[in-house]
Full PDB file with SEQRES, HELIX, SHEET, SSBOND, CRYST1, ORIGX, SCALE, CONECT and MASTER records, all heavy atoms in Angstrom:
SEQRES   1 A   30  VAL PRO ILE GLY ALA GLY LEU ALA PHE ALA PHE SER ARG          
SEQRES   2 A   30  GLY VAL TRP GLN SER ALA VAL VAL THR GLU VAL TYR ALA          
SEQRES   3 A   30  LEU ASN LEU LEU                                              
HELIX    1 AA1 PRO A    2  ALA A   10  1                                   9    
HELIX    2 AA2 ARG A   13  ALA A   19  1                                   7    
HELIX    3 AA3 TYR A   25  LEU A   29  1                                   5    
CRYST1    1.000    1.000    1.000  90.00  90.00  90.00 P 1           1          
ORIGX1      1.000000  0.000000  0.000000        0.00000                         
ORIGX2      0.000000  1.000000  0.000000        0.00000                         
ORIGX3      0.000000  0.000000  1.000000        0.00000                         
SCALE1      1.000000  0.000000  0.000000        0.00000                         
SCALE2      0.000000  1.000000  0.000000        0.00000                         
SCALE3      0.000000  0.000000  1.000000        0.00000                         
ATOM      1  N   VAL A   1     -66.569  -4.224  62.101  1.00  0.00           N  
ATOM      2  CA  VAL A   1     -66.557  -3.959  60.713  1.00  0.00           C  
ATOM      3  C   VAL A   1     -66.280  -2.353  60.524  1.00  0.00           C  
ATOM      4  O   VAL A   1     -65.548  -1.973  59.678  1.00  0.00           O  
ATOM      5  CB  VAL A   1     -67.870  -4.390  60.005  1.00  0.00           C  
ATOM      6  CG1 VAL A   1     -68.077  -3.784  58.650  1.00  0.00           C  
ATOM      7  CG2 VAL A   1     -68.013  -5.768  59.938  1.00  0.00           C  
ATOM      8  N   PRO A   2     -66.954  -1.500  61.395  1.00  0.00           N  
ATOM      9  CA  PRO A   2     -66.643  -0.041  61.204  1.00  0.00           C  
ATOM     10  C   PRO A   2     -65.166   0.244  61.542  1.00  0.00           C  
ATOM     11  O   PRO A   2     -64.557   1.139  60.969  1.00  0.00           O  
ATOM     12  CB  PRO A   2     -67.546   0.542  62.225  1.00  0.00           C  
ATOM     13  CG  PRO A   2     -68.726  -0.364  62.361  1.00  0.00           C  
ATOM     14  CD  PRO A   2     -68.140  -1.812  62.283  1.00  0.00           C  
ATOM     15  N   ILE A   3     -64.569  -0.475  62.464  1.00  0.00           N  
ATOM     16  CA  ILE A   3     -63.065  -0.221  62.692  1.00  0.00           C  
ATOM     17  C   ILE A   3     -62.300  -0.629  61.504  1.00  0.00           C  
ATOM     18  O   ILE A   3     -61.497   0.150  61.098  1.00  0.00           O  
ATOM     19  CB  ILE A   3     -62.589  -1.037  63.956  1.00  0.00           C  
ATOM     20  CG1 ILE A   3     -63.193  -0.364  65.256  1.00  0.00           C  
ATOM     21  CG2 ILE A   3     -61.157  -1.059  64.032  1.00  0.00           C  
ATOM     22  CD1 ILE A   3     -62.864  -1.144  66.496  1.00  0.00           C  
ATOM     23  N   GLY A   4     -62.649  -1.834  60.965  1.00  0.00           N  
ATOM     24  CA  GLY A   4     -61.846  -2.259  59.734  1.00  0.00           C  
ATOM     25  C   GLY A   4     -62.022  -1.206  58.543  1.00  0.00           C  
ATOM     26  O   GLY A   4     -61.144  -0.879  57.881  1.00  0.00           O  
ATOM     27  N   ALA A   5     -63.294  -0.773  58.373  1.00  0.00           N  
ATOM     28  CA  ALA A   5     -63.623   0.153  57.221  1.00  0.00           C  
ATOM     29  C   ALA A   5     -62.911   1.381  57.542  1.00  0.00           C  
ATOM     30  O   ALA A   5     -62.434   2.054  56.564  1.00  0.00           O  
ATOM     31  CB  ALA A   5     -65.083   0.185  57.127  1.00  0.00           C  
ATOM     32  N   GLY A   6     -62.995   1.933  58.781  1.00  0.00           N  
ATOM     33  CA  GLY A   6     -62.328   3.197  59.056  1.00  0.00           C  
ATOM     34  C   GLY A   6     -60.852   3.181  58.911  1.00  0.00           C  
ATOM     35  O   GLY A   6     -60.275   4.128  58.292  1.00  0.00           O  
ATOM     36  N   LEU A   7     -60.220   2.024  59.169  1.00  0.00           N  
ATOM     37  CA  LEU A   7     -58.760   1.953  59.023  1.00  0.00           C  
ATOM     38  C   LEU A   7     -58.437   1.711  57.498  1.00  0.00           C  
ATOM     39  O   LEU A   7     -57.438   2.245  57.056  1.00  0.00           O  
ATOM     40  CB  LEU A   7     -58.243   0.805  59.901  1.00  0.00           C  
ATOM     41  CG  LEU A   7     -58.255   1.024  61.403  1.00  0.00           C  
ATOM     42  CD1 LEU A   7     -57.778  -0.241  62.177  1.00  0.00           C  
ATOM     43  CD2 LEU A   7     -57.339   2.263  61.743  1.00  0.00           C  
ATOM     44  N   ALA A   8     -59.357   0.998  56.820  1.00  0.00           N  
ATOM     45  CA  ALA A   8     -59.038   0.829  55.397  1.00  0.00           C  
ATOM     46  C   ALA A   8     -59.205   2.214  54.716  1.00  0.00           C  
ATOM     47  O   ALA A   8     -58.374   2.472  53.852  1.00  0.00           O  
ATOM     48  CB  ALA A   8     -60.086  -0.140  54.837  1.00  0.00           C  
ATOM     49  N   PHE A   9     -60.159   3.045  55.131  1.00  0.00           N  
ATOM     50  CA  PHE A   9     -60.234   4.378  54.535  1.00  0.00           C  
ATOM     51  C   PHE A   9     -59.000   5.126  54.901  1.00  0.00           C  
ATOM     52  O   PHE A   9     -58.381   5.803  54.044  1.00  0.00           O  
ATOM     53  CB  PHE A   9     -61.468   5.037  55.124  1.00  0.00           C  
ATOM     54  CG  PHE A   9     -61.496   6.560  54.872  1.00  0.00           C  
ATOM     55  CD1 PHE A   9     -61.904   7.002  53.693  1.00  0.00           C  
ATOM     56  CD2 PHE A   9     -61.216   7.445  55.876  1.00  0.00           C  
ATOM     57  CE1 PHE A   9     -61.881   8.413  53.417  1.00  0.00           C  
ATOM     58  CE2 PHE A   9     -61.207   8.782  55.656  1.00  0.00           C  
ATOM     59  CZ  PHE A   9     -61.594   9.318  54.461  1.00  0.00           C  
ATOM     60  N   ALA A  10     -58.560   5.163  56.255  1.00  0.00           N  
ATOM     61  CA  ALA A  10     -57.475   6.030  56.722  1.00  0.00           C  
ATOM     62  C   ALA A  10     -56.156   5.606  55.921  1.00  0.00           C  
ATOM     63  O   ALA A  10     -55.360   6.513  55.728  1.00  0.00           O  
ATOM     64  CB  ALA A  10     -57.255   5.804  58.180  1.00  0.00           C  
ATOM     65  N   PHE A  11     -56.043   4.435  55.615  1.00  0.00           N  
ATOM     66  CA  PHE A  11     -54.717   3.959  54.925  1.00  0.00           C  
ATOM     67  C   PHE A  11     -54.775   3.657  53.527  1.00  0.00           C  
ATOM     68  O   PHE A  11     -53.890   3.021  52.921  1.00  0.00           O  
ATOM     69  CB  PHE A  11     -54.157   2.745  55.743  1.00  0.00           C  
ATOM     70  CG  PHE A  11     -54.029   2.966  57.184  1.00  0.00           C  
ATOM     71  CD1 PHE A  11     -54.449   2.114  58.183  1.00  0.00           C  
ATOM     72  CD2 PHE A  11     -53.293   4.185  57.528  1.00  0.00           C  
ATOM     73  CE1 PHE A  11     -54.252   2.392  59.485  1.00  0.00           C  
ATOM     74  CE2 PHE A  11     -53.109   4.453  58.922  1.00  0.00           C  
ATOM     75  CZ  PHE A  11     -53.593   3.585  59.932  1.00  0.00           C  
ATOM     76  N   SER A  12     -55.917   4.075  52.900  1.00  0.00           N  
ATOM     77  CA  SER A  12     -55.952   4.019  51.419  1.00  0.00           C  
ATOM     78  C   SER A  12     -54.978   5.049  50.899  1.00  0.00           C  
ATOM     79  O   SER A  12     -54.662   6.023  51.492  1.00  0.00           O  
ATOM     80  CB  SER A  12     -57.468   4.295  50.912  1.00  0.00           C  
ATOM     81  OG  SER A  12     -57.762   5.616  51.263  1.00  0.00           O  
ATOM     82  N   ARG A  13     -54.526   4.776  49.644  1.00  0.00           N  
ATOM     83  CA  ARG A  13     -53.432   5.483  49.137  1.00  0.00           C  
ATOM     84  C   ARG A  13     -53.688   7.066  49.117  1.00  0.00           C  
ATOM     85  O   ARG A  13     -52.870   7.887  49.597  1.00  0.00           O  
ATOM     86  CB  ARG A  13     -53.079   5.124  47.682  1.00  0.00           C  
ATOM     87  CG  ARG A  13     -51.951   5.681  47.105  1.00  0.00           C  
ATOM     88  CD  ARG A  13     -51.568   5.236  45.714  1.00  0.00           C  
ATOM     89  NE  ARG A  13     -50.359   5.866  45.275  1.00  0.00           N  
ATOM     90  CZ  ARG A  13     -49.968   5.630  44.124  1.00  0.00           C  
ATOM     91  NH1 ARG A  13     -50.590   4.806  43.289  1.00  0.00           N  
ATOM     92  NH2 ARG A  13     -48.940   6.297  43.590  1.00  0.00           N  
ATOM     93  N   GLY A  14     -54.763   7.533  48.505  1.00  0.00           N  
ATOM     94  CA  GLY A  14     -55.039   8.852  48.362  1.00  0.00           C  
ATOM     95  C   GLY A  14     -55.274   9.587  49.664  1.00  0.00           C  
ATOM     96  O   GLY A  14     -54.765  10.765  49.853  1.00  0.00           O  
ATOM     97  N   VAL A  15     -55.931   8.985  50.622  1.00  0.00           N  
ATOM     98  CA  VAL A  15     -56.183   9.524  51.964  1.00  0.00           C  
ATOM     99  C   VAL A  15     -54.943   9.688  52.701  1.00  0.00           C  
ATOM    100  O   VAL A  15     -54.612  10.691  53.202  1.00  0.00           O  
ATOM    101  CB  VAL A  15     -57.278   8.705  52.657  1.00  0.00           C  
ATOM    102  CG1 VAL A  15     -57.365   9.116  54.069  1.00  0.00           C  
ATOM    103  CG2 VAL A  15     -58.704   8.687  52.004  1.00  0.00           C  
ATOM    104  N   TRP A  16     -54.083   8.624  52.683  1.00  0.00           N  
ATOM    105  CA  TRP A  16     -52.864   8.673  53.462  1.00  0.00           C  
ATOM    106  C   TRP A  16     -51.883   9.662  52.861  1.00  0.00           C  
ATOM    107  O   TRP A  16     -51.301  10.446  53.642  1.00  0.00           O  
ATOM    108  CB  TRP A  16     -52.090   7.317  53.418  1.00  0.00           C  
ATOM    109  CG  TRP A  16     -51.132   7.057  54.415  1.00  0.00           C  
ATOM    110  CD1 TRP A  16     -50.437   8.018  55.152  1.00  0.00           C  
ATOM    111  CD2 TRP A  16     -50.632   5.757  54.873  1.00  0.00           C  
ATOM    112  NE1 TRP A  16     -49.488   7.341  55.952  1.00  0.00           N  
ATOM    113  CE2 TRP A  16     -49.622   6.050  55.814  1.00  0.00           C  
ATOM    114  CE3 TRP A  16     -50.934   4.496  54.475  1.00  0.00           C  
ATOM    115  CZ2 TRP A  16     -48.902   4.956  56.384  1.00  0.00           C  
ATOM    116  CZ3 TRP A  16     -50.166   3.483  55.072  1.00  0.00           C  
ATOM    117  CH2 TRP A  16     -49.278   3.737  56.031  1.00  0.00           C  
ATOM    118  N   GLN A  17     -51.828   9.851  51.555  1.00  0.00           N  
ATOM    119  CA  GLN A  17     -50.998  10.877  50.975  1.00  0.00           C  
ATOM    120  C   GLN A  17     -51.358  12.277  51.329  1.00  0.00           C  
ATOM    121  O   GLN A  17     -50.563  13.148  51.613  1.00  0.00           O  
ATOM    122  CB  GLN A  17     -51.042  10.721  49.424  1.00  0.00           C  
ATOM    123  CG  GLN A  17     -50.233   9.595  48.923  1.00  0.00           C  
ATOM    124  CD  GLN A  17     -50.359   9.375  47.404  1.00  0.00           C  
ATOM    125  OE1 GLN A  17     -51.284   9.796  46.796  1.00  0.00           O  
ATOM    126  NE2 GLN A  17     -49.445   8.707  46.740  1.00  0.00           N  
ATOM    127  N   SER A  18     -52.737  12.482  51.423  1.00  0.00           N  
ATOM    128  CA  SER A  18     -53.185  13.803  51.708  1.00  0.00           C  
ATOM    129  C   SER A  18     -52.996  14.098  53.400  1.00  0.00           C  
ATOM    130  O   SER A  18     -53.060  15.224  53.738  1.00  0.00           O  
ATOM    131  CB  SER A  18     -54.661  13.954  51.381  1.00  0.00           C  
ATOM    132  OG  SER A  18     -54.831  14.022  50.010  1.00  0.00           O  
ATOM    133  N   ALA A  19     -52.897  12.968  54.035  1.00  0.00           N  
ATOM    134  CA  ALA A  19     -52.880  13.123  55.541  1.00  0.00           C  
ATOM    135  C   ALA A  19     -51.453  13.622  56.055  1.00  0.00           C  
ATOM    136  O   ALA A  19     -51.384  14.039  57.144  1.00  0.00           O  
ATOM    137  CB  ALA A  19     -53.281  11.831  56.190  1.00  0.00           C  
ATOM    138  N   VAL A  20     -50.422  13.426  55.328  1.00  0.00           N  
ATOM    139  CA  VAL A  20     -49.115  13.615  55.745  1.00  0.00           C  
ATOM    140  C   VAL A  20     -48.341  14.741  55.205  1.00  0.00           C  
ATOM    141  O   VAL A  20     -47.103  14.974  55.381  1.00  0.00           O  
ATOM    142  CB  VAL A  20     -48.316  12.239  55.618  1.00  0.00           C  
ATOM    143  CG1 VAL A  20     -48.863  11.170  56.493  1.00  0.00           C  
ATOM    144  CG2 VAL A  20     -48.173  11.871  54.187  1.00  0.00           C  
ATOM    145  N   VAL A  21     -49.131  15.592  54.362  1.00  0.00           N  
ATOM    146  CA  VAL A  21     -48.460  16.757  53.719  1.00  0.00           C  
ATOM    147  C   VAL A  21     -49.474  17.971  53.918  1.00  0.00           C  
ATOM    148  O   VAL A  21     -50.636  17.769  54.268  1.00  0.00           O  
ATOM    149  CB  VAL A  21     -48.138  16.533  52.261  1.00  0.00           C  
ATOM    150  CG1 VAL A  21     -47.159  15.391  52.093  1.00  0.00           C  
ATOM    151  CG2 VAL A  21     -49.468  16.277  51.505  1.00  0.00           C  
ATOM    152  N   THR A  22     -49.057  19.119  53.665  1.00  0.00           N  
ATOM    153  CA  THR A  22     -49.879  20.304  53.654  1.00  0.00           C  
ATOM    154  C   THR A  22     -50.768  20.159  52.491  1.00  0.00           C  
ATOM    155  O   THR A  22     -50.330  20.381  51.298  1.00  0.00           O  
ATOM    156  CB  THR A  22     -48.971  21.589  53.630  1.00  0.00           C  
ATOM    157  OG1 THR A  22     -48.196  21.585  54.809  1.00  0.00           O  
ATOM    158  CG2 THR A  22     -49.783  22.854  53.632  1.00  0.00           C  
ATOM    159  N   GLU A  23     -52.123  20.083  52.680  1.00  0.00           N  
ATOM    160  CA  GLU A  23     -53.050  19.975  51.627  1.00  0.00           C  
ATOM    161  C   GLU A  23     -54.381  20.269  52.178  1.00  0.00           C  
ATOM    162  O   GLU A  23     -54.640  20.034  53.421  1.00  0.00           O  
ATOM    163  CB  GLU A  23     -52.982  18.619  50.975  1.00  0.00           C  
ATOM    164  CG  GLU A  23     -53.752  18.428  49.691  1.00  0.00           C  
ATOM    165  CD  GLU A  23     -53.332  19.444  48.596  1.00  0.00           C  
ATOM    166  OE1 GLU A  23     -52.269  19.302  47.973  1.00  0.00           O  
ATOM    167  OE2 GLU A  23     -54.067  20.427  48.402  1.00  0.00           O  
ATOM    168  N   VAL A  24     -55.374  20.731  51.338  1.00  0.00           N  
ATOM    169  CA  VAL A  24     -56.648  21.120  51.872  1.00  0.00           C  
ATOM    170  C   VAL A  24     -57.673  20.031  51.953  1.00  0.00           C  
ATOM    171  O   VAL A  24     -58.729  20.133  52.578  1.00  0.00           O  
ATOM    172  CB  VAL A  24     -57.351  22.116  50.955  1.00  0.00           C  
ATOM    173  CG1 VAL A  24     -56.455  23.376  50.878  1.00  0.00           C  
ATOM    174  CG2 VAL A  24     -57.569  21.605  49.487  1.00  0.00           C  
ATOM    175  N   TYR A  25     -57.368  18.752  51.445  1.00  0.00           N  
ATOM    176  CA  TYR A  25     -58.288  17.748  51.326  1.00  0.00           C  
ATOM    177  C   TYR A  25     -58.597  16.979  52.719  1.00  0.00           C  
ATOM    178  O   TYR A  25     -59.686  16.428  52.893  1.00  0.00           O  
ATOM    179  CB  TYR A  25     -57.831  16.679  50.330  1.00  0.00           C  
ATOM    180  CG  TYR A  25     -57.611  17.246  48.986  1.00  0.00           C  
ATOM    181  CD1 TYR A  25     -56.377  17.324  48.376  1.00  0.00           C  
ATOM    182  CD2 TYR A  25     -58.708  17.731  48.241  1.00  0.00           C  
ATOM    183  CE1 TYR A  25     -56.194  17.888  47.112  1.00  0.00           C  
ATOM    184  CE2 TYR A  25     -58.562  18.388  47.069  1.00  0.00           C  
ATOM    185  CZ  TYR A  25     -57.360  18.489  46.462  1.00  0.00           C  
ATOM    186  OH  TYR A  25     -57.143  19.074  45.289  1.00  0.00           O  
ATOM    187  N   ALA A  26     -57.724  17.070  53.571  1.00  0.00           N  
ATOM    188  CA  ALA A  26     -57.927  16.405  54.958  1.00  0.00           C  
ATOM    189  C   ALA A  26     -59.075  17.238  55.699  1.00  0.00           C  
ATOM    190  O   ALA A  26     -60.041  16.582  56.245  1.00  0.00           O  
ATOM    191  CB  ALA A  26     -56.689  16.479  55.741  1.00  0.00           C  
ATOM    192  N   LEU A  27     -58.977  18.570  55.578  1.00  0.00           N  
ATOM    193  CA  LEU A  27     -60.038  19.317  56.304  1.00  0.00           C  
ATOM    194  C   LEU A  27     -61.278  19.152  55.439  1.00  0.00           C  
ATOM    195  O   LEU A  27     -62.509  19.121  56.041  1.00  0.00           O  
ATOM    196  CB  LEU A  27     -59.708  20.774  56.301  1.00  0.00           C  
ATOM    197  CG  LEU A  27     -60.708  21.758  56.934  1.00  0.00           C  
ATOM    198  CD1 LEU A  27     -61.065  21.373  58.346  1.00  0.00           C  
ATOM    199  CD2 LEU A  27     -60.203  23.197  56.838  1.00  0.00           C  
ATOM    200  N   ASN A  28     -61.301  19.142  54.217  1.00  0.00           N  
ATOM    201  CA  ASN A  28     -62.518  18.820  53.399  1.00  0.00           C  
ATOM    202  C   ASN A  28     -63.145  17.522  53.711  1.00  0.00           C  
ATOM    203  O   ASN A  28     -64.356  17.488  53.913  1.00  0.00           O  
ATOM    204  CB  ASN A  28     -62.094  18.819  51.913  1.00  0.00           C  
ATOM    205  CG  ASN A  28     -63.376  18.816  50.967  1.00  0.00           C  
ATOM    206  OD1 ASN A  28     -64.170  19.587  51.073  1.00  0.00           O  
ATOM    207  ND2 ASN A  28     -63.375  17.674  50.100  1.00  0.00           N  
ATOM    208  N   LEU A  29     -62.416  16.407  53.896  1.00  0.00           N  
ATOM    209  CA  LEU A  29     -63.023  15.112  54.321  1.00  0.00           C  
ATOM    210  C   LEU A  29     -63.498  15.163  55.664  1.00  0.00           C  
ATOM    211  O   LEU A  29     -64.537  14.625  55.975  1.00  0.00           O  
ATOM    212  CB  LEU A  29     -61.950  14.047  54.102  1.00  0.00           C  
ATOM    213  CG  LEU A  29     -61.714  13.571  52.672  1.00  0.00           C  
ATOM    214  CD1 LEU A  29     -60.624  12.671  52.541  1.00  0.00           C  
ATOM    215  CD2 LEU A  29     -62.976  12.905  52.114  1.00  0.00           C  
ATOM    216  N   LEU A  30     -62.794  15.958  56.586  1.00  0.00           N  
ATOM    217  CA  LEU A  30     -63.333  16.020  57.988  1.00  0.00           C  
ATOM    218  C   LEU A  30     -64.717  16.685  58.059  1.00  0.00           C  
ATOM    219  O   LEU A  30     -65.603  16.168  58.640  1.00  0.00           O  
ATOM    220  CB  LEU A  30     -62.344  16.763  58.898  1.00  0.00           C  
ATOM    221  CG  LEU A  30     -62.805  17.059  60.308  1.00  0.00           C  
ATOM    222  CD1 LEU A  30     -62.947  15.729  61.088  1.00  0.00           C  
ATOM    223  CD2 LEU A  30     -61.832  18.059  60.956  1.00  0.00           C  
TER     224      LEU A  30                                                      
MASTER        0    0    0    3    0    0    0    6  223    1    0    3          
END                                                                             
């Protein structure tokens, strides 16, 4: 379940969009 939830989080629209461009939100979430 944690693997599924972690991948669902990683590939959710807003997270994925912030992960592939220069933006401050990735460090904020980390």
